[in-house]
Amino acid sequence: DPKISTPVAAILALVELMENTTAGTMFELVQELKDGAETLKQQSSNSISLNAGTELFIEFVTLFPHEASVSTFLELKTELIRQGHQYVTEALTYRDKIAQLAFDFIKDGSVILTHSYSRVVMQTLLWAHKRKRISVFVTEARPRGLGIKTAEMLAAAGIPSTVILDSAVAYSMDMVDFVLVGSEAVVESGGLINAVGSNQIAIIAKAANKPFYALAESYKFHRLFPLSQYDLPTHNSKLLSFSVPQGRAHRNSSAKPPTTLPGSSLGSSAAAGVKDSDPPASIKISQEQIARNNPDVDYTRPDLISLVFSDVGSLTPEGVSQYLVGMFAG
């Protein structure tokens, strides 16, 4: 279902797990839910938003009060399943709430810059278009190119829009009233994890004194505290790695160059079987190779974010931190 985001789908999966579990105690149930969440994580290439959803639901189950009216574990499990389905139904209304909240910050005639594709951003833009005149710059959002999807949907809805290169963000920023982006997760610091490129857009917006707004459903609030890009769960040593062309030694390699006999007139390149006059070998680099070597998401510091619009209200980054503490404190 295209309306269901990854965290909500993960919560639904855990509710279904509860419906089929053989656990006989709360401890066993929570352990099964944790194992199920780990299985979901292993099947996802980007598990950040998925983890936000599973963490939220497992915390809800753990802290769920045992009322006197619930006399058996089976009754307790049935009530947890009922509330799980109820939460998912309610979560599907969050985008409308956020769109209505952000609408007040969109003036008639606004020029908006958005990045990649986000369901909640799309909902907000469609809501605003029905009541005000807006125009939208959409970044191409490489390597996945999801900005094209956004632009096509905006065009179908009759919203004036144009796709710009990721490298043209600074060029276009003076024409923009504010930036509006979605989120993979909003973390404990109040910072944002979103499609790669969001961070540099926020830096440019800050330098140009333009507001940078993030839209995030509360089930994307995540207990992470990254200090840099390299603290993200998605980071690994293969990203942004330097490749060595086949058959050629890296300049910084510890391998010793081939030696020549004393008095030999051959240089090191000749000794390696390569003449100085030989042209460099033709090497093709595909878009797939570039995508594999680059991150899908990046981290935007809280000081670059003007406001976070959520179903729980419009929050400053500091307000997000406070809300997260309360949310997981029962």
Protein backbone atom coordinates (compact mmCIF):
# COMPACT_ATOMS: atom_id res chain seq x y z
CA ASP A 1 0.00 0.00 0.00
CA PRO A 2 1.70 3.26 -1.12
CA LYS A 3 0.00 5.16 1.71
CA ILE A 4 1.73 3.08 4.38
CA SER A 5 5.25 4.21 5.31
CA THR A 6 8.01 1.88 6.44
CA PRO A 7 7.62 2.44 10.22
CA VAL A 8 3.86 1.81 10.08
CA ALA A 9 4.37 -1.30 7.94
CA ALA A 10 6.89 -2.54 10.52
CA ILE A 11 4.39 -1.97 13.34
CA LEU A 12 1.73 -3.86 11.38
CA ALA A 13 4.17 -6.75 10.92
CA LEU A 14 4.80 -6.90 14.68
CA VAL A 15 1.05 -6.80 15.40
CA GLU A 16 0.59 -9.73 13.02
CA LEU A 17 3.43 -11.52 14.82
CA MET A 18 1.57 -11.03 18.11
CA GLU A 19 -1.58 -12.48 16.56
CA ASN A 20 0.30 -15.68 15.72
CA THR A 21 2.67 -15.93 18.68
CA THR A 22 2.78 -18.89 21.06
CA ALA A 23 4.35 -16.79 23.84
CA GLY A 24 2.85 -17.47 27.24
CA THR A 25 4.40 -14.62 29.22
CA MET A 26 5.11 -10.93 28.68
CA PHE A 27 8.85 -11.63 28.74
CA GLU A 28 8.50 -14.21 25.93
CA LEU A 29 6.26 -11.87 23.92
CA VAL A 30 8.69 -8.96 24.11
CA GLN A 31 11.58 -11.26 23.16
CA GLU A 32 9.65 -12.52 20.11
CA LEU A 33 8.90 -8.94 19.08
CA LYS A 34 12.60 -8.04 19.38
CA ASP A 35 13.56 -11.08 17.29
CA GLY A 36 10.94 -10.12 14.71
CA ALA A 37 12.23 -6.56 14.58
CA GLU A 38 15.77 -7.87 14.01
CA THR A 39 14.52 -10.05 11.14
CA LEU A 40 12.85 -7.04 9.53
CA LYS A 41 16.04 -5.02 9.97
CA GLN A 42 18.17 -7.63 8.22
CA GLN A 43 15.86 -7.55 5.20
CA SER A 44 16.12 -3.78 4.75
CA SER A 45 18.97 -1.88 3.13
CA ASN A 46 18.01 1.26 5.07
CA SER A 47 16.61 0.27 8.44
CA ILE A 48 16.58 3.69 10.14
CA SER A 49 12.88 4.51 9.81
CA LEU A 50 12.00 0.83 10.25
CA ASN A 51 13.87 0.79 13.57
CA ALA A 52 12.01 3.92 14.67
CA GLY A 53 8.68 2.13 14.19
CA THR A 54 9.67 -1.17 15.81
CA GLU A 55 11.32 0.59 18.78
CA LEU A 56 8.19 2.64 19.37
CA PHE A 57 5.88 -0.38 19.31
CA ILE A 58 8.08 -2.60 21.50
CA GLU A 59 8.39 0.24 24.02
CA PHE A 60 4.58 0.59 23.99
CA VAL A 61 4.16 -3.12 24.68
CA THR A 62 6.77 -3.07 27.44
CA LEU A 63 5.25 -0.07 29.22
CA PHE A 64 1.61 -1.05 28.67
CA PRO A 65 -0.20 -0.85 32.05
CA HIS A 66 -1.69 -4.09 33.37
CA GLU A 67 -5.20 -3.03 34.30
CA ALA A 68 -7.21 -4.91 36.89
CA SER A 69 -9.84 -5.72 34.25
CA VAL A 70 -7.27 -7.77 32.33
CA SER A 71 -7.07 -10.97 34.31
CA THR A 72 -5.10 -13.26 31.98
CA PHE A 73 -2.14 -12.93 29.64
CA LEU A 74 -4.36 -13.91 26.68
CA GLU A 75 -6.67 -10.98 27.43
CA LEU A 76 -3.66 -8.68 27.72
CA LYS A 77 -2.31 -9.85 24.37
CA THR A 78 -5.73 -9.36 22.75
CA GLU A 79 -5.86 -5.80 24.09
CA LEU A 80 -2.34 -5.05 22.80
CA ILE A 81 -3.31 -6.33 19.34
CA ARG A 82 -6.46 -4.18 19.36
CA GLN A 83 -4.52 -1.07 20.34
CA GLY A 84 -1.84 -1.87 17.76
CA HIS A 85 -4.43 -1.87 14.95
CA GLN A 86 -6.00 1.26 16.41
CA TYR A 87 -2.64 3.04 16.41
CA VAL A 88 -2.01 2.13 12.75
CA THR A 89 -5.45 3.47 11.78
CA GLU A 90 -4.72 6.70 13.64
CA ALA A 91 -1.21 6.95 12.17
CA LEU A 92 -2.66 7.09 8.66
CA THR A 93 -4.26 10.44 9.57
CA TYR A 94 -0.99 12.04 10.67
CA ARG A 95 -0.08 13.40 7.25
CA ASP A 96 -3.31 15.36 7.03
CA LYS A 97 -2.63 16.86 10.48
CA ILE A 98 0.89 17.86 9.45
CA ALA A 99 -0.31 19.33 6.14
CA GLN A 100 -2.86 21.50 7.96
CA LEU A 101 -0.25 22.62 10.48
CA ALA A 102 2.37 23.52 7.85
CA PHE A 103 -0.27 25.24 5.69
CA ASP A 104 -0.26 28.32 7.95
CA PHE A 105 3.44 28.86 7.19
CA ILE A 106 2.88 28.82 3.42
CA LYS A 107 2.05 32.27 2.05
CA ASP A 108 0.16 32.83 -1.18
CA GLY A 109 2.63 32.95 -4.08
CA SER A 110 5.33 31.02 -2.22
CA VAL A 111 8.23 29.45 -4.10
CA ILE A 112 9.22 26.24 -2.31
CA LEU A 113 12.27 24.02 -2.67
CA THR A 114 11.82 20.33 -1.85
CA HIS A 115 14.18 17.41 -2.06
CA SER A 116 13.66 13.83 -3.29
CA TYR A 117 10.22 12.29 -2.62
CA SER A 118 8.20 12.34 0.61
CA ARG A 119 4.57 11.31 1.11
CA VAL A 120 3.97 13.91 3.80
CA VAL A 121 5.58 16.70 1.77
CA MET A 122 3.45 15.71 -1.23
CA GLN A 123 0.31 15.75 0.93
CA THR A 124 1.22 19.21 2.23
CA LEU A 125 1.89 20.62 -1.24
CA LEU A 126 -1.39 19.22 -2.58
CA TRP A 127 -3.27 20.67 0.40
CA ALA A 128 -1.64 24.10 -0.10
CA HIS A 129 -2.29 24.09 -3.86
CA LYS A 130 -6.05 23.84 -3.29
CA ARG A 131 -6.06 27.09 -1.31
CA LYS A 132 -3.01 29.11 -2.35
CA ARG A 133 -0.75 29.70 -5.33
CA ILE A 134 2.57 27.90 -4.98
CA SER A 135 5.48 26.98 -7.22
CA VAL A 136 7.97 24.23 -6.44
CA PHE A 137 11.60 23.57 -7.26
CA VAL A 138 12.34 19.84 -6.98
CA THR A 139 15.88 18.50 -6.76
CA GLU A 140 16.75 15.58 -8.98
CA ALA A 141 17.91 13.71 -5.83
CA ARG A 142 20.59 11.42 -7.18
CA PRO A 143 21.48 8.58 -6.98
CA ARG A 144 17.88 7.31 -6.69
CA GLY A 145 16.40 10.17 -8.71
CA LEU A 146 13.18 10.28 -6.69
CA GLY A 147 12.80 14.00 -7.34
CA ILE A 148 11.56 13.06 -10.81
CA LYS A 149 8.67 11.15 -9.19
CA THR A 150 7.79 14.20 -7.09
CA ALA A 151 7.87 16.50 -10.12
CA GLU A 152 5.65 14.17 -12.15
CA MET A 153 3.07 14.01 -9.35
CA LEU A 154 3.12 17.79 -8.93
CA ALA A 155 2.65 18.28 -12.65
CA ALA A 156 -0.27 15.84 -12.68
CA ALA A 157 -1.89 17.88 -9.90
CA GLY A 158 -1.41 21.12 -11.84
CA ILE A 159 1.24 22.57 -9.52
CA PRO A 160 3.89 24.66 -11.33
CA SER A 161 7.19 22.90 -10.76
CA THR A 162 10.59 22.34 -12.26
CA VAL A 163 13.36 19.81 -11.65
CA ILE A 164 16.76 21.26 -10.79
CA LEU A 165 20.13 19.57 -10.56
CA ASP A 166 21.35 18.75 -7.08
CA SER A 167 24.35 20.91 -7.91
CA ALA A 168 22.05 23.87 -8.75
CA VAL A 169 20.59 24.26 -5.25
CA ALA A 170 22.80 27.25 -4.39
CA TYR A 171 22.06 28.80 -7.80
CA SER A 172 18.30 28.66 -7.17
CA MET A 173 18.22 29.48 -3.44
CA ASP A 174 17.75 33.25 -3.89
CA MET A 175 14.51 32.49 -5.77
CA VAL A 176 13.16 30.34 -2.93
CA ASP A 177 11.02 31.43 0.04
CA PHE A 178 11.71 28.33 2.14
CA VAL A 179 12.81 24.69 1.99
CA LEU A 180 10.39 21.87 2.80
CA VAL A 181 11.68 18.30 3.22
CA GLY A 182 10.44 15.00 4.60
CA SER A 183 12.35 12.67 6.89
CA GLU A 184 13.60 9.16 7.40
CA ALA A 185 13.88 9.94 11.09
CA VAL A 186 14.16 12.80 13.56
CA VAL A 187 16.72 11.96 16.23
CA GLU A 188 17.28 12.80 19.89
CA SER A 189 19.43 15.83 19.15
CA GLY A 190 16.59 17.32 17.10
CA GLY A 191 18.59 16.65 13.94
CA LEU A 192 17.21 15.12 10.77
CA ILE A 193 18.03 11.97 8.82
CA ASN A 194 16.76 12.22 5.26
CA ALA A 195 17.66 11.54 1.63
CA VAL A 196 21.29 12.32 0.93
CA GLY A 197 21.71 15.94 -0.09
CA SER A 198 19.37 17.28 2.60
CA ASN A 199 22.31 18.37 4.74
CA GLN A 200 23.95 20.47 2.04
CA ILE A 201 20.58 22.04 1.17
CA ALA A 202 20.16 23.00 4.84
CA ILE A 203 23.67 24.52 4.91
CA ILE A 204 22.92 26.59 1.81
CA ALA A 205 19.51 27.66 3.16
CA LYS A 206 21.15 28.77 6.43
CA ALA A 207 23.76 30.80 4.55
CA ALA A 208 21.01 32.43 2.46
CA ASN A 209 18.85 33.08 5.55
CA LYS A 210 15.99 30.95 4.22
CA PRO A 211 13.83 28.79 6.56
CA PHE A 212 14.44 25.04 6.43
CA TYR A 213 11.34 23.10 7.52
CA ALA A 214 11.17 19.35 8.09
CA LEU A 215 7.95 17.32 8.12
CA ALA A 216 7.93 14.16 10.24
CA GLU A 217 5.26 11.88 11.62
CA SER A 218 5.84 11.16 15.32
CA TYR A 219 6.47 7.47 14.60
CA LYS A 220 9.68 8.63 12.89
CA PHE A 221 11.06 10.12 16.10
CA HIS A 222 14.03 7.88 16.79
CA ARG A 223 16.32 7.31 19.79
CA LEU A 224 19.58 7.93 17.98
CA PHE A 225 22.18 10.55 18.79
CA PRO A 226 24.56 10.81 15.80
CA LEU A 227 27.38 13.32 16.11
CA SER A 228 28.38 13.10 12.45
CA GLN A 229 27.45 11.44 9.18
CA TYR A 230 29.61 8.46 10.10
CA ASP A 231 27.57 7.64 13.21
CA LEU A 232 24.52 6.69 11.14
CA PRO A 233 23.58 2.97 11.16
CA THR A 234 23.69 2.97 7.36
CA HIS A 235 27.33 4.03 7.19
CA ASN A 236 29.92 1.40 6.28
CA SER A 237 33.50 1.37 5.08
CA LYS A 238 32.50 0.70 1.47
CA LEU A 239 30.77 4.06 1.10
CA LEU A 240 32.88 6.72 -0.60
CA SER A 241 35.74 4.25 -0.91
CA PHE A 242 38.53 4.75 -3.42
CA SER A 243 38.62 2.15 -6.15
CA VAL A 244 41.86 0.98 -7.75
CA PRO A 245 41.65 0.26 -11.49
CA GLN A 246 42.23 -3.40 -12.27
CA GLY A 247 45.87 -4.18 -12.96
CA ARG A 248 47.15 -0.93 -11.47
CA ALA A 249 48.67 -0.41 -8.02
CA HIS A 250 47.35 2.37 -5.82
CA ARG A 251 49.85 5.16 -5.29
CA ASN A 252 49.44 4.84 -1.53
CA SER A 253 49.62 1.06 -1.60
CA SER A 254 52.16 -0.63 0.62
CA ALA A 255 53.16 -2.92 -2.26
CA LYS A 256 56.74 -2.33 -3.37
CA PRO A 257 57.33 -1.28 -7.00
CA PRO A 258 59.13 -3.81 -9.19
CA THR A 259 62.90 -3.54 -9.00
CA THR A 260 65.27 -3.21 -11.95
CA LEU A 261 68.75 -4.61 -12.37
CA PRO A 262 71.65 -2.33 -11.45
CA GLY A 263 72.62 -0.20 -14.42
CA SER A 264 69.44 -0.95 -16.28
CA SER A 265 68.11 1.91 -18.39
CA LEU A 266 64.51 0.83 -17.95
CA GLY A 267 62.32 3.00 -15.75
CA SER A 268 59.81 1.64 -13.28
CA SER A 269 56.95 1.92 -15.80
CA ALA A 270 58.89 -0.06 -18.37
CA ALA A 271 59.78 -2.64 -15.76
CA ALA A 272 56.09 -3.03 -15.05
CA GLY A 273 55.42 -3.65 -18.72
CA VAL A 274 53.90 -0.21 -19.37
CA LYS A 275 55.56 2.23 -21.73
CA ASP A 276 55.46 5.94 -20.94
CA SER A 277 53.94 6.54 -24.37
CA ASP A 278 51.05 4.09 -23.80
CA PRO A 279 47.66 5.86 -23.55
CA PRO A 280 45.68 5.28 -20.34
CA ALA A 281 43.22 2.40 -20.50
CA SER A 282 39.61 3.37 -21.14
CA ILE A 283 37.53 2.84 -18.00
CA LYS A 284 33.75 3.14 -17.89
CA ILE A 285 31.95 4.10 -14.69
CA SER A 286 28.25 3.24 -14.51
CA GLN A 287 25.50 5.01 -12.57
CA GLU A 288 25.02 1.79 -10.59
CA GLN A 289 28.65 1.89 -9.46
CA ILE A 290 28.26 5.51 -8.37
CA ALA A 291 25.06 4.69 -6.46
CA ARG A 292 26.68 1.75 -4.66
CA ASN A 293 29.60 3.91 -3.57
CA ASN A 294 27.42 6.72 -2.17
CA PRO A 295 25.10 6.99 0.85
CA ASP A 296 21.30 7.00 0.57
CA VAL A 297 20.77 9.28 3.56
CA ASP A 298 22.61 11.96 5.49
CA TYR A 299 22.34 13.76 8.83
CA THR A 300 21.36 17.42 9.20
CA ARG A 301 22.36 19.14 12.44
CA PRO A 302 19.59 20.72 14.55
CA ASP A 303 21.05 24.23 14.28
CA LEU A 304 20.29 24.15 10.54
CA ILE A 305 16.60 23.30 11.02
CA SER A 306 14.03 26.07 11.57
CA LEU A 307 11.05 23.94 12.63
CA VAL A 308 9.85 20.34 12.60
CA PHE A 309 6.15 19.97 11.74
CA SER A 310 4.65 16.83 13.23
CA ASP A 311 1.27 15.42 14.20
CA VAL A 312 2.12 16.44 17.78
CA GLY A 313 2.66 20.07 16.80
CA SER A 314 5.26 22.40 15.33
CA LEU A 315 8.45 21.84 17.28
CA THR A 316 11.86 23.41 17.46
CA PRO A 317 14.73 20.89 17.35
CA GLU A 318 15.03 21.36 21.13
CA GLY A 319 11.33 20.60 21.47
CA VAL A 320 11.81 17.35 19.57
CA SER A 321 14.48 16.30 22.08
CA GLN A 322 12.16 17.00 24.98
CA TYR A 323 9.27 15.17 23.35
CA LEU A 324 11.42 12.10 22.65
CA VAL A 325 12.52 11.93 26.28
CA GLY A 326 8.90 12.02 27.42
CA MET A 327 7.74 9.59 24.76
CA PHE A 328 10.09 6.83 25.89
CA ALA A 329 9.79 7.58 29.58
CA GLY A 330 6.23 6.23 29.70
